[in-house]
Amino acid sequence: MRLVRLCVAGCVAILLQAGLAQAGLPGYLLPHLALLVVIQAAFLEHGIQGVVASFLVGLALDFSSALLVGPWAGAFVIVYAGLTILSRGLFVESPLVTVLAAFFSTVAANCFFSVLSPNSDLSVLGHLLHILSQAAVTAACAPFFLPCISYVSERRASPLRRVSSAAPAL
């Protein structure tokens, strides 16, 4: 069930990110909200469900940007794997850890995306500045969005009531 919730949170993040872009926010000031879902998945889910959720969120981002090759899906899975390994020894609820994880994950995901995409332009200074500014904005948004994503993706099971089939004693 957490897989479905993470995928829904990823789709909502993609829609919110696209809405901010359509509202006229420049690309270097646009936070990478879908990546924040992957970061939260790496902090919460250490298994195949997290890998699948990261892949599906990346694939949804690829499809929403009309890229059928899948570079975001690959970049998100690589970032998820790296963060899963690192998060086992970190206090992941610390705001400093979330800011640093968001910054370096954004840089890594954008670099992997540039390497995996057919039109790689990492050598251009403007692209590197775009990556660093987007990483800074994403890191600034991380302490506010990660608790929201955590709240949505957590399993909130209600306690089951025990129903007895026997008639009450009189």
Protein backbone atom coordinates (compact mmCIF):
# COMPACT_ATOMS: atom_id res chain seq x y z
CA MET A 1 0.00 0.00 0.00
CA ARG A 2 2.92 2.34 0.67
CA LEU A 3 4.04 1.80 -2.93
CA VAL A 4 0.74 3.17 -4.23
CA ARG A 5 0.88 6.12 -1.83
CA LEU A 6 4.44 6.99 -2.86
CA CYS A 7 3.50 6.80 -6.54
CA VAL A 8 0.46 9.03 -5.96
CA ALA A 9 2.62 11.48 -3.99
CA GLY A 10 5.09 11.44 -6.89
CA CYS A 11 2.36 12.20 -9.43
CA VAL A 12 1.04 15.03 -7.26
CA ALA A 13 4.60 16.39 -6.97
CA ILE A 14 5.02 16.24 -10.75
CA LEU A 15 1.72 18.07 -11.27
CA LEU A 16 2.66 20.72 -8.70
CA GLN A 17 6.08 21.11 -10.28
CA ALA A 18 4.51 21.47 -13.74
CA GLY A 19 2.02 23.98 -12.37
CA LEU A 20 4.85 26.08 -10.94
CA ALA A 21 6.62 25.94 -14.30
CA GLN A 22 3.43 26.96 -16.13
CA ALA A 23 2.97 29.84 -13.69
CA GLY A 24 6.21 31.30 -15.01
CA LEU A 25 8.72 30.23 -12.38
CA PRO A 26 12.14 29.97 -14.09
CA GLY A 27 13.76 26.54 -14.25
CA TYR A 28 16.64 27.45 -11.98
CA LEU A 29 14.17 28.46 -9.24
CA LEU A 30 11.93 25.42 -9.68
CA PRO A 31 12.29 22.87 -6.86
CA HIS A 32 12.59 19.24 -7.90
CA LEU A 33 9.55 18.02 -5.97
CA ALA A 34 9.45 14.55 -7.57
CA LEU A 35 12.97 13.94 -6.32
CA LEU A 36 11.83 14.80 -2.79
CA VAL A 37 9.40 11.86 -3.04
CA VAL A 38 12.33 9.61 -4.00
CA ILE A 39 14.37 10.95 -1.07
CA GLN A 40 11.52 10.24 1.33
CA ALA A 41 11.12 6.76 -0.15
CA ALA A 42 14.82 6.11 0.49
CA PHE A 43 14.41 7.26 4.09
CA LEU A 44 11.24 5.23 4.72
CA GLU A 45 11.33 2.16 2.49
CA HIS A 46 14.43 -0.05 2.28
CA GLY A 47 13.30 -2.66 -0.18
CA ILE A 48 12.00 -3.50 -3.58
CA GLN A 49 8.90 -1.34 -3.10
CA GLY A 50 11.09 1.76 -2.77
CA VAL A 51 13.01 0.87 -5.94
CA VAL A 52 9.77 0.31 -7.84
CA ALA A 53 8.27 3.56 -6.50
CA SER A 54 11.40 5.50 -7.48
CA PHE A 55 11.38 3.96 -10.94
CA LEU A 56 7.67 4.66 -11.46
CA VAL A 57 7.95 8.27 -10.26
CA GLY A 58 10.92 8.77 -12.60
CA LEU A 59 9.05 7.14 -15.46
CA ALA A 60 6.05 9.39 -14.82
CA LEU A 61 8.37 12.40 -14.92
CA ASP A 62 9.86 11.13 -18.19
CA PHE A 63 6.43 10.70 -19.72
CA SER A 64 5.26 14.10 -18.51
CA SER A 65 8.26 15.76 -20.16
CA ALA A 66 7.79 13.80 -23.41
CA LEU A 67 11.05 11.85 -22.94
CA LEU A 68 10.40 8.21 -23.67
CA VAL A 69 13.99 7.11 -23.14
CA GLY A 70 13.72 7.07 -19.34
CA PRO A 71 16.70 9.05 -18.01
CA TRP A 72 14.81 10.32 -14.96
CA ALA A 73 13.74 6.79 -14.07
CA GLY A 74 17.35 5.63 -14.12
CA ALA A 75 18.59 8.68 -12.24
CA PHE A 76 15.93 8.29 -9.55
CA VAL A 77 16.75 4.61 -9.01
CA ILE A 78 20.48 5.42 -8.69
CA VAL A 79 19.77 8.23 -6.22
CA TYR A 80 17.39 5.97 -4.27
CA ALA A 81 20.03 3.24 -4.03
CA GLY A 82 22.71 5.66 -2.84
CA LEU A 83 20.46 7.28 -0.27
CA THR A 84 19.21 3.94 1.01
CA ILE A 85 22.77 2.86 1.69
CA LEU A 86 23.63 6.16 3.38
CA SER A 87 20.40 6.55 5.35
CA ARG A 88 20.94 3.45 7.43
CA GLY A 89 23.57 5.27 9.48
CA LEU A 90 22.01 8.75 9.54
CA PHE A 91 19.43 10.43 11.72
CA VAL A 92 17.15 11.06 8.78
CA GLU A 93 14.61 13.19 10.66
CA SER A 94 17.13 15.97 11.20
CA PRO A 95 16.45 19.07 9.07
CA LEU A 96 20.18 19.41 8.33
CA VAL A 97 20.33 15.86 6.98
CA THR A 98 17.26 16.42 4.81
CA VAL A 99 18.71 19.66 3.41
CA LEU A 100 22.06 18.07 2.61
CA ALA A 101 20.44 14.93 1.18
CA ALA A 102 18.17 17.03 -1.03
CA PHE A 103 21.03 19.21 -2.27
CA PHE A 104 23.41 16.39 -3.15
CA SER A 105 20.61 14.17 -4.50
CA THR A 106 19.47 16.95 -6.84
CA VAL A 107 23.00 17.46 -8.10
CA ALA A 108 23.49 13.70 -8.54
CA ALA A 109 20.11 13.15 -10.24
CA ASN A 110 20.66 16.01 -12.67
CA CYS A 111 24.17 14.78 -13.48
CA PHE A 112 22.91 11.22 -14.04
CA PHE A 113 20.07 12.61 -16.15
CA SER A 114 22.56 14.56 -18.27
CA VAL A 115 24.74 11.49 -18.71
CA LEU A 116 21.80 9.22 -19.55
CA SER A 117 20.04 11.64 -21.89
CA PRO A 118 21.05 11.82 -25.54
CA ASN A 119 21.80 15.56 -25.42
CA SER A 120 24.32 15.76 -22.60
CA ASP A 121 25.49 19.28 -21.87
CA LEU A 122 27.34 19.04 -18.56
CA SER A 123 30.29 20.91 -20.03
CA VAL A 124 28.27 24.11 -20.41
CA LEU A 125 28.71 26.46 -17.45
CA GLY A 126 25.10 27.63 -17.63
CA HIS A 127 23.86 24.08 -17.19
CA LEU A 128 26.06 23.56 -14.14
CA LEU A 129 24.77 26.79 -12.60
CA HIS A 130 21.21 25.65 -13.33
CA ILE A 131 21.88 22.35 -11.54
CA LEU A 132 23.39 24.07 -8.49
CA SER A 133 20.61 26.65 -8.22
CA GLN A 134 17.91 24.00 -8.57
CA ALA A 135 19.70 21.94 -5.91
CA ALA A 136 19.76 24.93 -3.55
CA VAL A 137 16.05 25.63 -4.06
CA THR A 138 15.16 21.95 -3.63
CA ALA A 139 17.25 21.78 -0.46
CA ALA A 140 15.50 24.86 0.90
CA CYS A 141 12.10 23.27 0.23
CA ALA A 142 13.02 19.84 1.64
CA PRO A 143 12.33 20.49 5.36
CA PHE A 144 8.82 21.65 4.47
CA PHE A 145 7.85 19.05 1.85
CA LEU A 146 9.41 15.86 3.27
CA PRO A 147 7.16 15.79 6.37
CA CYS A 148 4.13 16.24 4.09
CA ILE A 149 5.26 13.36 1.88
CA SER A 150 5.94 11.27 4.97
CA TYR A 151 2.46 11.99 6.31
CA VAL A 152 0.83 10.94 3.03
CA SER A 153 2.90 7.79 2.55
CA GLU A 154 2.75 6.48 6.11
CA ARG A 155 0.44 3.61 6.78
CA ARG A 156 -2.28 4.73 9.12
CA ALA A 157 -4.08 1.56 10.00
CA SER A 158 -6.99 1.83 12.36
CA PRO A 159 -7.07 -0.68 15.16
CA LEU A 160 -9.33 -3.59 14.34
CA ARG A 161 -12.28 -4.13 16.58
CA ARG A 162 -12.77 -7.58 17.79
CA VAL A 163 -16.23 -8.74 16.90
CA SER A 164 -17.53 -11.67 18.82
CA SER A 165 -19.98 -14.01 17.23
CA ALA A 166 -21.29 -15.19 20.58
CA ALA A 167 -24.35 -13.55 22.06
CA PRO A 168 -23.76 -11.50 25.19
CA ALA A 169 -24.38 -13.30 28.44
CA LEU A 170 -27.43 -12.21 30.38
